[in-house]
Each structure stands twice: as C-alpha cells, then as structure tokens.
C-alpha atoms as a PDB file:
ATOM      1  CA  MET A   1     138.335  77.596  96.010  1.00  0.00           C
ATOM      2  CA  PRO A   2     134.511  77.205  95.640  1.00  0.00           C
ATOM      3  CA  ASN A   3     133.000  78.606  92.434  1.00  0.00           C
ATOM      4  CA  ARG A   4     131.119  81.860  92.857  1.00  0.00           C
ATOM      5  CA  SER A   5     127.448  81.877  92.181  1.00  0.00           C
ATOM      6  CA  PRO A   6     126.535  83.413  88.779  1.00  0.00           C
ATOM      7  CA  ILE A   7     123.530  85.056  90.248  1.00  0.00           C
ATOM      8  CA  PRO A   8     125.183  88.362  91.211  1.00  0.00           C
ATOM      9  CA  ALA A   9     126.636  88.737  87.729  1.00  0.00           C
ATOM     10  CA  ILE A  10     123.314  88.139  86.131  1.00  0.00           C
ATOM     11  CA  ALA A  11     121.665  90.569  88.506  1.00  0.00           C
ATOM     12  CA  ILE A  12     124.173  93.278  87.613  1.00  0.00           C
ATOM     13  CA  LYS A  13     123.567  92.671  83.837  1.00  0.00           C
ATOM     14  CA  ALA A  14     119.826  92.794  84.508  1.00  0.00           C
ATOM     15  CA  LEU A  15     120.121  96.119  86.254  1.00  0.00           C
ATOM     16  CA  VAL A  16     122.295  97.480  83.453  1.00  0.00           C
ATOM     17  CA  LEU A  17     119.686  96.284  80.911  1.00  0.00           C
ATOM     18  CA  ILE A  18     116.870  97.895  82.802  1.00  0.00           C
ATOM     19  CA  GLY A  19     118.825 101.179  83.189  1.00  0.00           C
ATOM     20  CA  LEU A  20     119.613 101.268  79.456  1.00  0.00           C
ATOM     21  CA  TYR A  21     115.996 100.476  78.700  1.00  0.00           C
ATOM     22  CA  LEU A  22     114.771 103.261  80.806  1.00  0.00           C
ATOM     23  CA  LEU A  23     117.303 105.743  79.540  1.00  0.00           C
ATOM     24  CA  THR A  24     117.020 105.208  75.839  1.00  0.00           C
ATOM     25  CA  GLY A  25     113.272 104.524  75.934  1.00  0.00           C
ATOM     26  CA  GLY A  26     112.600 107.660  78.022  1.00  0.00           C
ATOM     27  CA  MET A  27     114.685 109.819  75.501  1.00  0.00           C
ATOM     28  CA  ALA A  28     112.749 108.256  72.560  1.00  0.00           C
ATOM     29  CA  LEU A  29     109.342 108.903  74.116  1.00  0.00           C
ATOM     30  CA  SER A  30     110.331 112.535  75.067  1.00  0.00           C
ATOM     31  CA  LEU A  31     111.271 113.210  71.447  1.00  0.00           C
ATOM     32  CA  THR A  32     107.826 111.816  70.148  1.00  0.00           C
ATOM     33  CA  PRO A  33     104.724 113.807  69.347  1.00  0.00           C
ATOM     34  CA  ALA A  34     101.871 113.134  71.664  1.00  0.00           C
ATOM     35  CA  ASP A  35      99.632 111.562  68.940  1.00  0.00           C
ATOM     36  CA  ILE A  36     102.118 108.942  67.879  1.00  0.00           C
ATOM     37  CA  TYR A  37     102.907 105.788  69.824  1.00  0.00           C
ATOM     38  CA  PRO A  38     105.439 104.434  70.051  1.00  0.00           C
ATOM     39  CA  ALA A  39     108.507 106.528  69.033  1.00  0.00           C
ATOM     40  CA  PRO A  40     109.430 106.373  65.308  1.00  0.00           C
ATOM     41  CA  VAL A  41     112.732 104.666  66.360  1.00  0.00           C
ATOM     42  CA  TRP A  42     112.743 102.438  69.446  1.00  0.00           C
ATOM     43  CA  PRO A  43     116.339 101.961  70.767  1.00  0.00           C
ATOM     44  CA  PRO A  44     115.364  99.472  73.533  1.00  0.00           C
ATOM     45  CA  ALA A  45     114.344  96.969  70.871  1.00  0.00           C
ATOM     46  CA  GLY A  46     117.956  96.686  69.669  1.00  0.00           C
ATOM     47  CA  ILE A  47     119.511  96.985  73.136  1.00  0.00           C
ATOM     48  CA  ALA A  48     117.188  94.278  74.703  1.00  0.00           C
ATOM     49  CA  LEU A  49     117.960  91.818  71.826  1.00  0.00           C
ATOM     50  CA  GLY A  50     121.637  92.486  71.848  1.00  0.00           C
ATOM     51  CA  MET A  51     121.790  91.893  75.687  1.00  0.00           C
ATOM     52  CA  LEU A  52     119.972  88.554  75.292  1.00  0.00           C
ATOM     53  CA  LEU A  53     122.398  87.494  72.561  1.00  0.00           C
ATOM     54  CA  LEU A  54     125.425  88.417  74.608  1.00  0.00           C
ATOM     55  CA  TYR A  55     124.413  87.154  77.999  1.00  0.00           C
ATOM     56  CA  GLY A  56     121.629  84.621  77.453  1.00  0.00           C
ATOM     57  CA  GLY A  57     117.888  84.412  77.471  1.00  0.00           C
ATOM     58  CA  ARG A  58     117.815  84.415  81.247  1.00  0.00           C
ATOM     59  CA  LEU A  59     117.755  88.161  81.018  1.00  0.00           C
ATOM     60  CA  TRP A  60     114.227  88.328  79.616  1.00  0.00           C
ATOM     61  CA  PRO A  61     112.690  89.270  83.044  1.00  0.00           C
ATOM     62  CA  ALA A  62     114.852  92.348  82.979  1.00  0.00           C
ATOM     63  CA  VAL A  63     113.413  93.332  79.564  1.00  0.00           C
ATOM     64  CA  LEU A  64     109.823  92.759  80.890  1.00  0.00           C
ATOM     65  CA  ALA A  65     110.609  94.812  84.099  1.00  0.00           C
ATOM     66  CA  GLY A  66     112.285  97.749  82.130  1.00  0.00           C
ATOM     67  CA  ALA A  67     109.526  97.893  79.598  1.00  0.00           C
ATOM     68  CA  PHE A  68     106.857  97.819  82.228  1.00  0.00           C
ATOM     69  CA  VAL A  69     108.409 100.530  84.393  1.00  0.00           C
ATOM     70  CA  LEU A  70     109.086 102.714  81.281  1.00  0.00           C
ATOM     71  CA  HIS A  71     105.465 102.571  79.985  1.00  0.00           C
ATOM     72  CA  ALA A  72     103.949 102.899  83.419  1.00  0.00           C
ATOM     73  CA  TRP A  73     106.112 105.844  84.081  1.00  0.00           C
ATOM     74  CA  GLY A  74     104.824 107.664  80.914  1.00  0.00           C
ATOM     75  CA  ILE A  75     101.106 107.120  81.730  1.00  0.00           C
ATOM     76  CA  ASP A  76      99.343 110.271  83.077  1.00  0.00           C
ATOM     77  CA  GLY A  77     102.498 111.699  84.791  1.00  0.00           C
ATOM     78  CA  TRP A  78     103.111 108.673  87.017  1.00  0.00           C
ATOM     79  CA  PRO A  79     104.804 108.601  89.468  1.00  0.00           C
ATOM     80  CA  ASP A  80     104.456 112.485  89.856  1.00  0.00           C
ATOM     81  CA  SER A  81     100.778 111.770  90.563  1.00  0.00           C
ATOM     82  CA  LEU A  82     100.013 108.398  91.922  1.00  0.00           C
ATOM     83  CA  GLY A  83      96.674 108.146  90.180  1.00  0.00           C
ATOM     84  CA  ILE A  84      97.534 105.275  87.864  1.00  0.00           C
ATOM     85  CA  THR A  85      94.402 103.169  87.170  1.00  0.00           C
ATOM     86  CA  PRO A  86      94.126  99.413  86.572  1.00  0.00           C
ATOM     87  CA  ARG A  87      93.534 100.020  82.907  1.00  0.00           C
ATOM     88  CA  GLU A  88      96.698 101.931  82.666  1.00  0.00           C
ATOM     89  CA  ILE A  89      98.555  99.203  84.576  1.00  0.00           C
ATOM     90  CA  LEU A  90      97.197  96.629  82.059  1.00  0.00           C
ATOM     91  CA  THR A  91      98.278  98.893  79.222  1.00  0.00           C
ATOM     92  CA  ALA A  92     101.830  99.096  80.469  1.00  0.00           C
ATOM     93  CA  LEU A  93     101.922  95.333  81.156  1.00  0.00           C
ATOM     94  CA  GLY A  94     100.631  94.515  77.683  1.00  0.00           C
ATOM     95  CA  LEU A  95     103.198  96.762  76.056  1.00  0.00           C
ATOM     96  CA  ALA A  96     105.974  95.253  78.187  1.00  0.00           C
ATOM     97  CA  VAL A  97     104.883  91.774  77.138  1.00  0.00           C
ATOM     98  CA  ALA A  98     104.844  92.745  73.487  1.00  0.00           C
ATOM     99  CA  GLU A  99     108.460  94.215  73.637  1.00  0.00           C
ATOM    100  CA  THR A 100     109.723  91.205  75.656  1.00  0.00           C
ATOM    101  CA  CYS A 101     108.179  88.889  73.059  1.00  0.00           C
ATOM    102  CA  GLN A 102     110.009  90.710  70.291  1.00  0.00           C
ATOM    103  CA  ALA A 103     113.379  90.312  72.061  1.00  0.00           C
ATOM    104  CA  VAL A 104     112.744  86.644  72.971  1.00  0.00           C
ATOM    105  CA  VAL A 105     111.642  85.762  69.421  1.00  0.00           C
ATOM    106  CA  GLY A 106     114.658  87.433  67.951  1.00  0.00           C
ATOM    107  CA  PHE A 107     116.999  85.684  70.310  1.00  0.00           C
ATOM    108  CA  MET A 108     115.540  82.300  69.610  1.00  0.00           C
ATOM    109  CA  LEU A 109     115.598  82.771  65.775  1.00  0.00           C
ATOM    110  CA  VAL A 110     119.221  83.929  65.873  1.00  0.00           C
ATOM    111  CA  ARG A 111     120.220  81.017  68.017  1.00  0.00           C
ATOM    112  CA  ARG A 112     118.370  78.657  65.709  1.00  0.00           C
ATOM    113  CA  PHE A 113     119.856  79.942  62.372  1.00  0.00           C
ATOM    114  CA  PHE A 114     123.275  81.181  63.443  1.00  0.00           C
ATOM    115  CA  GLY A 115     124.022  79.776  66.813  1.00  0.00           C
ATOM    116  CA  LEU A 116     125.613  81.612  69.775  1.00  0.00           C
ATOM    117  CA  PRO A 117     128.084  83.231  69.417  1.00  0.00           C
ATOM    118  CA  ILE A 118     126.740  84.422  66.024  1.00  0.00           C
ATOM    119  CA  ARG A 119     128.616  82.810  63.133  1.00  0.00           C
ATOM    120  CA  LEU A 120     128.585  84.674  59.819  1.00  0.00           C
ATOM    121  CA  ASN A 121     130.314  83.417  56.656  1.00  0.00           C
ATOM    122  CA  ARG A 122     128.795  85.397  53.789  1.00  0.00           C
ATOM    123  CA  VAL A 123     127.313  88.809  53.109  1.00  0.00           C
ATOM    124  CA  ALA A 124     124.016  86.945  52.648  1.00  0.00           C
ATOM    125  CA  ASP A 125     124.238  85.803  56.217  1.00  0.00           C
ATOM    126  CA  ILE A 126     124.423  89.435  57.327  1.00  0.00           C
ATOM    127  CA  LEU A 127     121.370  90.316  55.336  1.00  0.00           C
ATOM    128  CA  LEU A 128     119.493  87.347  56.678  1.00  0.00           C
ATOM    129  CA  LEU A 129     120.431  88.271  60.275  1.00  0.00           C
ATOM    130  CA  ALA A 130     119.161  91.848  59.679  1.00  0.00           C
ATOM    131  CA  VAL A 131     115.846  90.464  58.281  1.00  0.00           C
ATOM    132  CA  ILE A 132     115.435  87.970  61.178  1.00  0.00           C
ATOM    133  CA  CYS A 133     116.297  90.480  63.968  1.00  0.00           C
ATOM    134  CA  GLY A 134     114.427  93.382  62.262  1.00  0.00           C
ATOM    135  CA  PRO A 135     111.163  92.763  60.331  1.00  0.00           C
ATOM    136  CA  VAL A 136     110.561  89.211  61.391  1.00  0.00           C
ATOM    137  CA  ALA A 137     111.247  89.550  65.123  1.00  0.00           C
ATOM    138  CA  SER A 138     109.591  92.873  65.303  1.00  0.00           C
ATOM    139  CA  LEU A 139     106.213  91.695  63.865  1.00  0.00           C
ATOM    140  CA  PRO A 140     104.934  89.730  66.913  1.00  0.00           C
ATOM    141  CA  GLY A 141     105.688  92.606  69.157  1.00  0.00           C
ATOM    142  CA  ALA A 142     104.073  95.111  66.929  1.00  0.00           C
ATOM    143  CA  LEU A 143     100.944  92.981  66.744  1.00  0.00           C
ATOM    144  CA  LEU A 144     100.743  92.460  70.564  1.00  0.00           C
ATOM    145  CA  GLY A 145     101.535  96.147  71.196  1.00  0.00           C
ATOM    146  CA  THR A 146      98.801  97.243  68.788  1.00  0.00           C
ATOM    147  CA  LEU A 147      96.268  94.723  70.230  1.00  0.00           C
ATOM    148  CA  THR A 148      97.067  96.093  73.692  1.00  0.00           C
ATOM    149  CA  LEU A 149      96.327  99.597  72.660  1.00  0.00           C
ATOM    150  CA  MET A 150      93.144  98.454  70.847  1.00  0.00           C
ATOM    151  CA  LEU A 151      91.764  96.651  73.908  1.00  0.00           C
ATOM    152  CA  THR A 152      92.779  99.325  76.507  1.00  0.00           C
ATOM    153  CA  GLY A 153      92.579 102.503  74.496  1.00  0.00           C
ATOM    154  CA  ASP A 154      90.507 104.185  71.662  1.00  0.00           C
ATOM    155  CA  PRO A 155      90.489 101.890  68.503  1.00  0.00           C
ATOM    156  CA  GLY A 156      89.333 104.917  66.385  1.00  0.00           C
ATOM    157  CA  ASN A 157      92.312 107.065  67.239  1.00  0.00           C
ATOM    158  CA  LEU A 158      94.644 103.966  67.045  1.00  0.00           C
ATOM    159  CA  LEU A 159      93.546 103.319  63.360  1.00  0.00           C
ATOM    160  CA  GLU A 160      93.876 106.991  62.519  1.00  0.00           C
ATOM    161  CA  THR A 161      97.534 107.205  63.746  1.00  0.00           C
ATOM    162  CA  GLY A 162      98.413 103.854  62.074  1.00  0.00           C
ATOM    163  CA  SER A 163     100.059 102.421  65.231  1.00  0.00           C
ATOM    164  CA  LEU A 164     100.707  99.024  63.847  1.00  0.00           C
ATOM    165  CA  GLY A 165     102.929 100.380  61.024  1.00  0.00           C
ATOM    166  CA  ILE A 166     104.672 102.804  63.350  1.00  0.00           C
ATOM    167  CA  TRP A 167     105.296 100.111  66.005  1.00  0.00           C
ATOM    168  CA  TRP A 168     106.779  97.655  63.467  1.00  0.00           C
ATOM    169  CA  LEU A 169     109.008 100.234  61.859  1.00  0.00           C
ATOM    170  CA  ALA A 170     110.136 101.473  65.254  1.00  0.00           C
ATOM    171  CA  GLY A 171     111.215  98.092  66.236  1.00  0.00           C
ATOM    172  CA  ILE A 172     113.006  97.521  62.841  1.00  0.00           C
ATOM    173  CA  LEU A 173     114.925 100.797  63.051  1.00  0.00           C
ATOM    174  CA  GLY A 174     115.704 100.278  66.704  1.00  0.00           C
ATOM    175  CA  VAL A 175     117.260  96.835  65.871  1.00  0.00           C
ATOM    176  CA  VAL A 176     119.106  97.921  62.825  1.00  0.00           C
ATOM    177  CA  VAL A 177     120.738 100.914  64.489  1.00  0.00           C
ATOM    178  CA  PHE A 178     121.337  99.831  68.066  1.00  0.00           C
ATOM    179  CA  LEU A 179     121.899  96.057  67.892  1.00  0.00           C
ATOM    180  CA  PRO A 180     125.257  96.285  66.010  1.00  0.00           C
ATOM    181  CA  LEU A 181     126.417  98.824  68.628  1.00  0.00           C
ATOM    182  CA  VAL A 182     125.535  96.427  71.540  1.00  0.00           C
ATOM    183  CA  LEU A 183     127.218  93.449  69.758  1.00  0.00           C
ATOM    184  CA  LEU A 184     130.339  95.431  68.938  1.00  0.00           C
ATOM    185  CA  ALA A 185     130.542  97.359  72.269  1.00  0.00           C
ATOM    186  CA  PRO A 186     133.821  97.082  74.250  1.00  0.00           C
ATOM    187  CA  GLY A 187     133.991  94.169  76.628  1.00  0.00           C
ATOM    188  CA  LYS A 188     133.085  90.524  76.038  1.00  0.00           C
ATOM    189  CA  ALA A 189     134.958  88.862  73.019  1.00  0.00           C
ATOM    190  CA  ASN A 190     133.669  86.166  70.643  1.00  0.00           C
ATOM    191  CA  ARG A 191     130.385  87.885  70.115  1.00  0.00           C
ATOM    192  CA  VAL A 192     130.270  87.677  66.365  1.00  0.00           C
ATOM    193  CA  ILE A 193     132.478  85.232  64.372  1.00  0.00           C
ATOM    194  CA  TRP A 194     133.084  86.332  60.818  1.00  0.00           C
ATOM    195  CA  ARG A 195     134.429  83.611  58.544  1.00  0.00           C
ATOM    196  CA  GLY A 196     135.991  81.806  61.499  1.00  0.00           C
ATOM    197  CA  LYS A 197     137.573  84.869  63.051  1.00  0.00           C
ATOM    198  CA  SER A 198     136.268  86.535  66.183  1.00  0.00           C
ATOM    199  CA  SER A 199     135.290  90.138  65.805  1.00  0.00           C
ATOM    200  CA  ARG A 200     136.329  92.225  68.757  1.00  0.00           C
ATOM    201  CA  GLY A 201     134.410  95.123  70.155  1.00  0.00           C
ATOM    202  CA  ILE A 202     134.975  98.572  68.750  1.00  0.00           C
ATOM    203  CA  PRO A 203     136.420 101.374  71.021  1.00  0.00           C
ATOM    204  CA  ALA A 204     133.981 103.269  73.166  1.00  0.00           C
ATOM    205  CA  MET A 205     134.885 106.517  71.477  1.00  0.00           C
ATOM    206  CA  ALA A 206     133.824 105.081  68.205  1.00  0.00           C
ATOM    207  CA  ILE A 207     130.338 104.201  69.609  1.00  0.00           C
ATOM    208  CA  VAL A 208     130.062 107.767  70.954  1.00  0.00           C
ATOM    209  CA  VAL A 209     130.931 109.137  67.485  1.00  0.00           C
ATOM    210  CA  VAL A 210     128.192 107.026  65.959  1.00  0.00           C
ATOM    211  CA  VAL A 211     125.524 107.624  68.680  1.00  0.00           C
ATOM    212  CA  MET A 212     125.957 111.336  69.348  1.00  0.00           C
ATOM    213  CA  PRO A 213     125.067 112.549  65.781  1.00  0.00           C
ATOM    214  CA  LEU A 214     121.976 110.296  65.875  1.00  0.00           C
ATOM    215  CA  VAL A 215     120.843 111.785  69.350  1.00  0.00           C
ATOM    216  CA  LEU A 216     121.623 115.363  68.174  1.00  0.00           C
ATOM    217  CA  THR A 217     119.653 114.765  65.048  1.00  0.00           C
ATOM    218  CA  PHE A 218     116.652 113.573  67.051  1.00  0.00           C
ATOM    219  CA  PHE A 219     116.906 116.629  69.419  1.00  0.00           C
ATOM    220  CA  ALA A 220     117.199 118.944  66.435  1.00  0.00           C
ATOM    221  CA  TRP A 221     114.188 117.350  64.853  1.00  0.00           C
ATOM    222  CA  LYS A 222     112.128 117.570  68.125  1.00  0.00           C
ATOM    223  CA  MET A 223     113.103 121.275  68.578  1.00  0.00           C
ATOM    224  CA  THR A 224     112.195 122.053  64.923  1.00  0.00           C
ATOM    225  CA  SER A 225     108.901 120.190  65.155  1.00  0.00           C
ATOM    226  CA  ASP A 226     107.999 122.086  68.457  1.00  0.00           C
ATOM    227  CA  ILE A 227     108.824 125.472  66.896  1.00  0.00           C
ATOM    228  CA  VAL A 228     106.862 124.731  63.788  1.00  0.00           C
ATOM    229  CA  GLU A 229     103.947 123.418  65.856  1.00  0.00           C
ATOM    230  CA  ASN A 230     103.941 126.471  68.205  1.00  0.00           C
ATOM    231  CA  ARG A 231     104.087 128.898  65.253  1.00  0.00           C
ATOM    232  CA  ASN A 232     101.267 127.083  63.449  1.00  0.00           C
ATOM    233  CA  ALA A 233      99.167 127.128  66.704  1.00  0.00           C
ATOM    234  CA  THR A 234      99.804 130.879  67.112  1.00  0.00           C
ATOM    235  CA  ARG A 235      98.780 131.532  63.607  1.00  0.00           C
ATOM    236  CA  PHE A 236      95.674 129.405  63.962  1.00  0.00           C
ATOM    237  CA  GLU A 237      94.719 131.213  67.195  1.00  0.00           C
ATOM    238  CA  LEU A 238      95.076 134.636  65.552  1.00  0.00           C
ATOM    239  CA  LEU A 239      93.081 133.518  62.516  1.00  0.00           C
ATOM    240  CA  ALA A 240      90.382 132.082  64.773  1.00  0.00           C
ATOM    241  CA  GLN A 241      90.096 135.338  66.717  1.00  0.00           C
ATOM    242  CA  ASP A 242      89.975 137.420  63.523  1.00  0.00           C
ATOM    243  CA  SER A 243      87.205 135.129  62.204  1.00  0.00           C
ATOM    244  CA  GLU A 244      85.281 135.302  65.549  1.00  0.00           C
ATOM    245  CA  ARG A 245      85.480 139.175  65.549  1.00  0.00           C
ATOM    246  CA  ALA A 246      84.411 139.377  61.983  1.00  0.00           C
ATOM    247  CA  LEU A 247      81.462 137.043  62.618  1.00  0.00           C
ATOM    248  CA  LEU A 248      80.361 139.039  65.682  1.00  0.00           C
ATOM    249  CA  ASN A 249      80.532 142.322  63.637  1.00  0.00           C
ATOM    250  CA  ARG A 250      78.371 140.808  60.959  1.00  0.00           C
ATOM    251  CA  LEU A 251      75.835 139.545  63.439  1.00  0.00           C
ATOM    252  CA  ASN A 252      75.732 142.982  65.165  1.00  0.00           C
ATOM    253  CA  SER A 253      75.120 144.677  61.784  1.00  0.00           C
ATOM    254  CA  TYR A 254      72.284 142.249  61.120  1.00  0.00           C
ATOM    255  CA  ASN A 255      70.826 142.942  64.572  1.00  0.00           C
ATOM    256  CA  GLN A 256      71.048 146.697  64.004  1.00  0.00           C
ATOM    257  CA  ALA A 257      69.226 146.289  60.653  1.00  0.00           C
ATOM    258  CA  LEU A 258      66.392 144.530  62.456  1.00  0.00           C
ATOM    259  CA  ILE A 259      66.283 147.152  65.266  1.00  0.00           C
ATOM    260  CA  SER A 260      66.070 149.898  62.480  1.00  0.00           C
ATOM    261  CA  ALA A 261      63.284 147.993  60.742  1.00  0.00           C
ATOM    262  CA  THR A 262      61.305 147.712  64.012  1.00  0.00           C
ATOM    263  CA  ALA A 263      61.731 151.481  64.605  1.00  0.00           C
ATOM    264  CA  TYR A 264      60.638 152.252  61.113  1.00  0.00           C
ATOM    265  CA  TYR A 265      57.595 150.065  61.350  1.00  0.00           C
ATOM    266  CA  ALA A 266      56.589 151.451  64.778  1.00  0.00           C
ATOM    267  CA  ASN A 267      56.813 155.054  63.583  1.00  0.00           C
ATOM    268  CA  THR A 268      54.882 154.569  60.340  1.00  0.00           C
ATOM    269  CA  SER A 269      51.103 155.021  60.825  1.00  0.00           C
ATOM    270  CA  ALA A 270      49.918 153.331  57.608  1.00  0.00           C
ATOM    271  CA  MET A 271      52.439 150.707  56.683  1.00  0.00           C
ATOM    272  CA  ASN A 272      51.956 148.892  53.427  1.00  0.00           C
ATOM    273  CA  ARG A 273      53.829 146.691  51.076  1.00  0.00           C
ATOM    274  CA  ASP A 274      55.077 149.467  48.825  1.00  0.00           C
ATOM    275  CA  LEU A 275      56.491 151.479  51.818  1.00  0.00           C
ATOM    276  CA  TRP A 276      58.181 148.410  53.201  1.00  0.00           C
ATOM    277  CA  ARG A 277      59.660 147.434  49.794  1.00  0.00           C
ATOM    278  CA  GLN A 278      61.071 150.932  49.423  1.00  0.00           C
ATOM    279  CA  TYR A 279      62.565 150.856  52.844  1.00  0.00           C
ATOM    280  CA  VAL A 280      64.274 147.448  52.263  1.00  0.00           C
ATOM    281  CA  GLU A 281      65.534 148.515  48.869  1.00  0.00           C
ATOM    282  CA  SER A 282      67.062 151.564  50.487  1.00  0.00           C
ATOM    283  CA  LEU A 283      69.177 149.340  52.681  1.00  0.00           C
ATOM    284  CA  ASP A 284      70.880 147.748  49.640  1.00  0.00           C
ATOM    285  CA  LEU A 285      71.255 144.380  51.407  1.00  0.00           C
ATOM    286  CA  ALA A 286      73.493 142.804  48.847  1.00  0.00           C
ATOM    287  CA  GLU A 287      76.076 145.600  49.388  1.00  0.00           C
ATOM    288  CA  ASN A 288      75.658 146.557  53.028  1.00  0.00           C
ATOM    289  CA  LEU A 289      74.418 143.440  54.615  1.00  0.00           C
ATOM    290  CA  PRO A 290      75.674 140.482  52.652  1.00  0.00           C
ATOM    291  CA  GLY A 291      74.237 137.191  53.866  1.00  0.00           C
ATOM    292  CA  ILE A 292      70.754 138.496  54.354  1.00  0.00           C
ATOM    293  CA  ASN A 293      68.374 137.477  51.670  1.00  0.00           C
ATOM    294  CA  GLY A 294      65.590 139.864  52.656  1.00  0.00           C
ATOM    295  CA  ILE A 295      63.872 141.595  55.581  1.00  0.00           C
ATOM    296  CA  GLY A 296      60.162 141.065  55.995  1.00  0.00           C
ATOM    297  CA  MET A 297      57.369 141.901  58.267  1.00  0.00           C
ATOM    298  CA  ILE A 298      54.210 140.040  59.422  1.00  0.00           C
ATOM    299  CA  ALA A 299      51.124 142.182  60.082  1.00  0.00           C
ATOM    300  CA  ARG A 300      48.390 140.911  62.255  1.00  0.00           C
ATOM    301  CA  SER A 301      45.078 140.670  60.442  1.00  0.00           C
ATOM    302  CA  PRO A 302      41.944 141.598  62.346  1.00  0.00           C
ATOM    303  CA  ALA A 303      39.322 138.869  62.758  1.00  0.00           C
ATOM    304  CA  GLY A 304      36.952 138.644  59.836  1.00  0.00           C
ATOM    305  CA  TYR A 305      39.212 140.160  57.304  1.00  0.00           C
ATOM    306  CA  GLN A 306      41.102 137.084  56.202  1.00  0.00           C
ATOM    307  CA  HIS A 307      39.266 136.632  52.918  1.00  0.00           C
ATOM    308  CA  SER A 308      39.554 140.273  51.952  1.00  0.00           C
ATOM    309  CA  LEU A 309      43.201 140.267  52.832  1.00  0.00           C
ATOM    310  CA  GLN A 310      43.924 137.131  50.799  1.00  0.00           C
ATOM    311  CA  LYS A 311      42.129 138.720  47.839  1.00  0.00           C
ATOM    312  CA  GLN A 312      44.143 141.944  48.211  1.00  0.00           C
ATOM    313  CA  MET A 313      47.428 140.016  48.424  1.00  0.00           C
ATOM    314  CA  ARG A 314      46.469 138.062  45.220  1.00  0.00           C
END
C-alpha cells in the first residue's frame, strides 16, 4: 500500500496549535488589566514550544498564524468593527513574529543541548532545560515584542508600564507552567527520556486537576481586581463631586462678598479709606472667607488732582 502523505497530519496538528493558542491567549488577555501588555502569564509560550518539541519545527507557521490572529483580534474590537488600521496590522504582525521567534529559539536550543526526544540524566539537566526554555528563549521574544510596541505605539506609556520586564516574565512563567503539561500530555510516547527510560504521558484527569486551580485562581484574581477597581473609582468620583461642590460654594461666597462690597460702595456718598477699612474688618475675612487676603477698591482720581492725591496717600 502507498504511504500516506504526512501533510494532513501536520495540518491537523497546526490547527490544534492555532486553536490552543487562541483559546489560552484569549483567556490570558481577558484577565489582564488594560494598561498592562502582555498578560502576566502567557500560556501560548509554553504551548507553542511544547508543540514544536513534540511534532517538529515545521509547525512554526502555525505559531505565527495563531499569534497574529490573536493579537489582531484584540485590537480595537476587531472583528466586531472592521476598522483595523495598517499600523495595528503591523503591531499584530510584529508581536506574532516575536512570539514565533521565542518558540523557534527554544526549539533549536533544546534540540542542540538535549536532542529530540529530550534526554535528561541528572537534576542539573532539568534545571538547565528550564533555564534554556524560560529566561533564555523568552528574551529574544521580549525584546522584539517591546521593540514592536515602541515603534507602533506610545514609547512613553510603554516605559511607564515596564513592558519589557512584563513580557519576559510572562514568557518565562508560561513556559514553566505549561510546557511540562504539553510534554506530559496523553498521547505520543518517548517525549522525554529520563535516565534511559521513556516517560509516558500523565492521565488527562491529572492535567485537569493541575490546570483548573490555576484557571480559577486567575478568574478569582480578575474578579477581585475588578471589584477593587470599581470600588475605588466610585470613591474617587464621590470625592471629586464633593470637592467640586465645596469649590463652587467657596467661589460663590467670594462672589457674594464682592457684590456686597459693590453695593456698600455705591450707597456711600463720601467713601474714604477709614470707612472701607471698617467695612472690610467687619467681614472678618480669615474666619468667614478663608482664601481671600483682602478686598480693595480703586477710586478714579479727577484730572489735575494726582499730586494732591499722592501727597494725601503718603
């Protein structure tokens, strides 16, 4: 019988990878505050690297496609409103390239140092694998992702949120948490060889037991953050309204003081400095109108009386 083409099998694995990328990445973005990018934990980083280690580097286009669709989907509500701009397309493409680079670099380093399937003989090998797949492989992706946001976004806001550190940490945590789950998932054998013995996948229920508490923790954190944020926003709004009313009352009281001074001046036939001083002192500005240092008047001097007025004032 003729051998079947491996293309359909690869296509199915690519579709599975894209689906997992969209599912886990969408959940991570939905649990992330709007002013932080990316999510504090990025599950697609571990899933993409794991799929490449299991099924070969030929799956890298699936990583690129999944990342691009995921980031394009999250820009300005697309596809709900088809108003995505060329700048936003470039942003999504740059982020997708960054995440694909992380997965490919991790795949090449693991194949170089441990071979495929992964062969581990010592505890030090496990630690080295974690370092290579986590901090080392995540660094190029973090740099490219940060550079993309700097070129297509607002560098000032980017530096304030510390996106480079967040991106790097997100990739590390995503690999540390989700890569072992992919490597030990039920299915293909001979994924990891420990001291000459092949390690088989763990049962699906065990993976659910590991993943569900993590997901519930994220949802609980998100709900708690939203509740605290909404409560703080309500308190701030009430405080702002109280401050606004207090300021308006203060300004109205100042205005009334000036209106009263105008009426007093208009109904006094022979206004002089002593009468005006007595009036202002009777207002007791420090007690009744705090914030006003004094209330004065400017009298028009008839022509020709400037010198006598100056002498009188001295």
